[in-house]
Amino acid sequence: MRQYVYHMVPSEMKGDKLIPLNSLEIHYPQLYEKYTNKYFDHPERTQLLRRQIPKLDCLWNDVLHFLPLHPHYVYRAITDLEIKTKEKQSFFKIPIEKLKNNKNAVYLYSQDKYKGPGELIEEDEIKLINIDDYKELSDLPFSTFQYYKDESRKGNRFGLFPYIPHLLSLGEVKIKNVEIITWNELK
């Protein structure tokens, strides 16, 4: 069975490949400025711009961040909790083979080891992978669902992908002819 990773379609994009945020600064400074703004909405988030990724020996924004889970599971959890969200959020559905020329790792993003955006990532939270061994996740972690529930009850704004492992890819990924899906449909 073919395996995929998912990446939210940016509201504005140049070219036919995804490139890490820090590469945007060089090639498309206006886009870099636009997409780094989200890091300044919380005092600790700015520290993500300098966050080191063990084993990949790079910064948080030197890699592309992919969801190893169909985004419909995120959408369904949010809507099951009656949290208002964008219904037609678009994602690239990217065959894992498109990452073959990159150095790839899974960030486990374990709730018990996550200490906040400003803290170091523990080395055992990063697992280098060969894409031939990659398997797409089929369930949303319970800790993610619980996070949505708790943060919603408190009335807090919250991130969409906490405690969901991330596939981190050091390099660029061509997306020409890649399928675009919306998260409100499972296909």
Protein backbone atom coordinates (compact mmCIF):
# COMPACT_ATOMS: atom_id res chain seq x y z
CA MET A 1 0.00 0.00 0.00
CA ARG A 2 1.32 3.43 -0.94
CA GLN A 3 2.34 5.60 2.01
CA TYR A 4 1.88 9.38 2.28
CA VAL A 5 2.81 12.39 4.32
CA TYR A 6 0.71 15.54 4.47
CA HIS A 7 1.54 19.23 4.44
CA MET A 8 -0.91 22.09 4.76
CA VAL A 9 -1.12 24.03 1.49
CA PRO A 10 0.38 27.48 2.13
CA SER A 11 -1.89 30.45 1.45
CA GLU A 12 0.86 31.87 -0.77
CA MET A 13 3.55 29.86 -2.50
CA LYS A 14 6.19 30.30 -5.20
CA GLY A 15 7.40 27.50 -7.46
CA ASP A 16 6.60 23.79 -7.48
CA LYS A 17 8.47 22.58 -4.43
CA LEU A 18 8.20 22.92 -0.68
CA ILE A 19 11.26 24.48 0.88
CA PRO A 20 12.09 24.95 4.56
CA LEU A 21 11.30 28.27 6.18
CA ASN A 22 14.95 29.25 6.59
CA SER A 23 15.48 28.72 2.84
CA LEU A 24 12.54 31.03 2.15
CA GLU A 25 14.48 33.82 3.82
CA ILE A 26 17.12 33.58 1.08
CA HIS A 27 14.89 32.95 -1.96
CA TYR A 28 11.62 34.71 -1.04
CA PRO A 29 12.19 37.19 1.83
CA GLN A 30 8.59 38.51 1.72
CA LEU A 31 7.21 34.98 2.17
CA TYR A 32 9.70 34.32 4.95
CA GLU A 33 8.47 37.40 6.80
CA LYS A 34 4.84 36.38 6.30
CA TYR A 35 5.35 32.81 7.54
CA THR A 36 7.56 33.68 10.51
CA ASN A 37 4.92 36.05 11.91
CA LYS A 38 3.17 33.07 13.56
CA TYR A 39 6.23 32.61 15.79
CA PHE A 40 5.69 36.01 17.40
CA ASP A 41 2.16 35.41 18.72
CA HIS A 42 3.46 33.77 21.90
CA PRO A 43 6.63 34.63 23.86
CA GLU A 44 7.97 31.05 23.82
CA ARG A 45 7.25 30.41 20.13
CA THR A 46 10.00 32.81 19.03
CA GLN A 47 12.48 30.34 20.52
CA LEU A 48 11.41 27.77 17.91
CA LEU A 49 13.34 29.82 15.36
CA ARG A 50 16.56 28.80 17.17
CA ARG A 51 15.51 25.31 18.28
CA GLN A 52 18.03 22.57 17.49
CA ILE A 53 16.96 19.19 16.13
CA PRO A 54 19.19 16.39 17.45
CA LYS A 55 20.48 13.81 14.96
CA LEU A 56 19.58 16.04 12.00
CA ASP A 57 22.01 18.68 13.34
CA CYS A 58 19.97 21.60 12.11
CA LEU A 59 17.41 24.15 13.26
CA TRP A 60 13.64 23.67 13.55
CA ASN A 61 13.05 25.83 10.46
CA ASP A 62 15.77 24.14 8.37
CA VAL A 63 13.41 21.19 7.83
CA LEU A 64 10.00 20.63 6.32
CA HIS A 65 7.40 19.41 8.80
CA PHE A 66 4.99 16.74 7.60
CA LEU A 67 2.00 15.10 9.21
CA PRO A 68 2.30 11.28 9.06
CA LEU A 69 -1.46 10.99 9.58
CA HIS A 70 -4.30 11.79 7.21
CA PRO A 71 -5.49 15.26 8.32
CA HIS A 72 -9.10 14.05 8.36
CA TYR A 73 -8.43 12.46 11.75
CA VAL A 74 -7.47 15.87 13.13
CA TYR A 75 -10.53 17.49 11.57
CA ARG A 76 -12.84 14.78 12.90
CA ALA A 77 -11.50 15.07 16.46
CA ILE A 78 -11.92 18.84 16.45
CA THR A 79 -15.43 18.74 15.01
CA ASP A 80 -16.48 15.86 17.29
CA LEU A 81 -15.68 18.21 20.18
CA GLU A 82 -17.81 20.89 18.47
CA ILE A 83 -14.84 23.21 18.09
CA LYS A 84 -15.28 25.64 15.21
CA THR A 85 -12.68 25.21 12.51
CA LYS A 86 -12.12 25.82 8.84
CA GLU A 87 -14.02 23.11 6.98
CA LYS A 88 -12.10 23.03 3.71
CA GLN A 89 -8.46 23.25 4.87
CA SER A 90 -6.27 21.99 2.01
CA PHE A 91 -3.29 19.66 2.32
CA PHE A 92 -0.79 18.23 -0.10
CA LYS A 93 -1.00 14.42 -0.08
CA ILE A 94 2.63 13.59 -0.83
CA PRO A 95 3.88 10.11 -1.71
CA ILE A 96 6.68 9.27 0.72
CA GLU A 97 9.02 8.51 -2.20
CA LYS A 98 9.25 12.24 -2.89
CA LEU A 99 11.38 12.56 0.28
CA LYS A 100 13.92 9.93 -0.80
CA ASN A 101 16.75 12.41 -1.49
CA ASN A 102 16.43 14.06 1.92
CA LYS A 103 17.61 13.16 5.39
CA ASN A 104 14.43 12.24 7.28
CA ALA A 105 13.49 11.72 10.90
CA VAL A 106 10.40 11.23 13.00
CA TYR A 107 9.95 13.62 15.90
CA LEU A 108 7.91 11.52 18.33
CA TYR A 109 6.47 14.60 20.10
CA SER A 110 5.61 12.58 23.21
CA GLN A 111 3.45 14.44 25.69
CA ASP A 112 5.51 13.23 28.65
CA LYS A 113 8.77 14.50 27.11
CA TYR A 114 7.54 17.76 25.59
CA LYS A 115 8.51 20.69 27.83
CA GLY A 116 7.42 23.60 25.61
CA PRO A 117 8.53 25.32 22.40
CA GLY A 118 11.50 26.98 24.06
CA GLU A 119 13.00 23.78 25.47
CA LEU A 120 15.44 21.34 23.94
CA ILE A 121 14.17 18.29 22.09
CA GLU A 122 15.46 15.18 23.81
CA GLU A 123 17.64 13.06 21.55
CA ASP A 124 15.50 9.95 21.98
CA GLU A 125 12.51 11.91 20.64
CA ILE A 126 14.15 11.97 17.18
CA LYS A 127 14.35 8.75 15.16
CA LEU A 128 16.22 8.81 11.85
CA ILE A 129 14.28 6.82 9.28
CA ASN A 130 14.68 5.24 5.91
CA ILE A 131 11.60 6.16 3.88
CA ASP A 132 11.27 2.52 2.77
CA ASP A 133 10.40 1.72 6.41
CA TYR A 134 7.89 4.56 6.81
CA LYS A 135 4.32 3.66 7.79
CA GLU A 136 1.54 6.23 7.83
CA LEU A 137 -0.31 6.54 11.15
CA SER A 138 -3.95 5.48 11.19
CA ASP A 139 -5.15 7.00 14.47
CA LEU A 140 -4.93 10.32 16.26
CA PRO A 141 -3.00 9.94 19.52
CA PHE A 142 -5.32 10.05 22.54
CA SER A 143 -3.10 12.73 24.12
CA THR A 144 -3.84 14.99 21.13
CA PHE A 145 -7.59 14.52 21.48
CA GLN A 146 -7.35 15.21 25.21
CA TYR A 147 -5.30 18.35 24.52
CA TYR A 148 -8.01 19.66 22.15
CA LYS A 149 -10.65 18.94 24.76
CA ASP A 150 -8.75 20.59 27.64
CA GLU A 151 -7.67 23.68 25.70
CA SER A 152 -11.14 24.16 24.24
CA ARG A 153 -12.70 23.99 27.72
CA LYS A 154 -10.28 26.66 28.92
CA GLY A 155 -11.17 28.86 25.93
CA ASN A 156 -7.56 28.87 24.72
CA ARG A 157 -6.31 29.12 21.16
CA PHE A 158 -4.36 25.98 20.43
CA GLY A 159 -2.14 24.30 17.87
CA LEU A 160 -3.59 21.69 15.54
CA PHE A 161 -0.88 19.04 15.73
CA PRO A 162 0.37 18.66 19.32
CA TYR A 163 1.60 15.22 20.33
CA ILE A 164 1.20 13.90 16.79
CA PRO A 165 4.56 12.61 15.58
CA HIS A 166 6.02 14.82 12.85
CA LEU A 167 8.09 13.63 9.94
CA LEU A 168 10.95 16.12 9.58
CA SER A 169 12.68 16.28 6.21
CA LEU A 170 15.96 18.09 5.65
CA GLY A 171 15.77 19.24 2.05
CA GLU A 172 13.20 20.26 -0.53
CA VAL A 173 10.22 18.30 -1.83
CA LYS A 174 8.81 18.64 -5.34
CA ILE A 175 5.04 18.86 -5.32
CA LYS A 176 4.27 19.20 -9.02
CA ASN A 177 1.24 16.98 -9.79
CA VAL A 178 0.76 16.06 -6.12
CA GLU A 179 -2.85 15.55 -5.07
CA ILE A 180 -4.46 18.27 -2.97
CA ILE A 181 -7.07 17.08 -0.50
CA THR A 182 -9.28 18.79 2.06
CA TRP A 183 -9.27 17.58 5.62
CA ASN A 184 -13.04 17.27 5.88
CA GLU A 185 -12.92 14.25 3.53
CA LEU A 186 -11.13 10.95 4.02
CA LYS A 187 -9.76 9.95 0.63
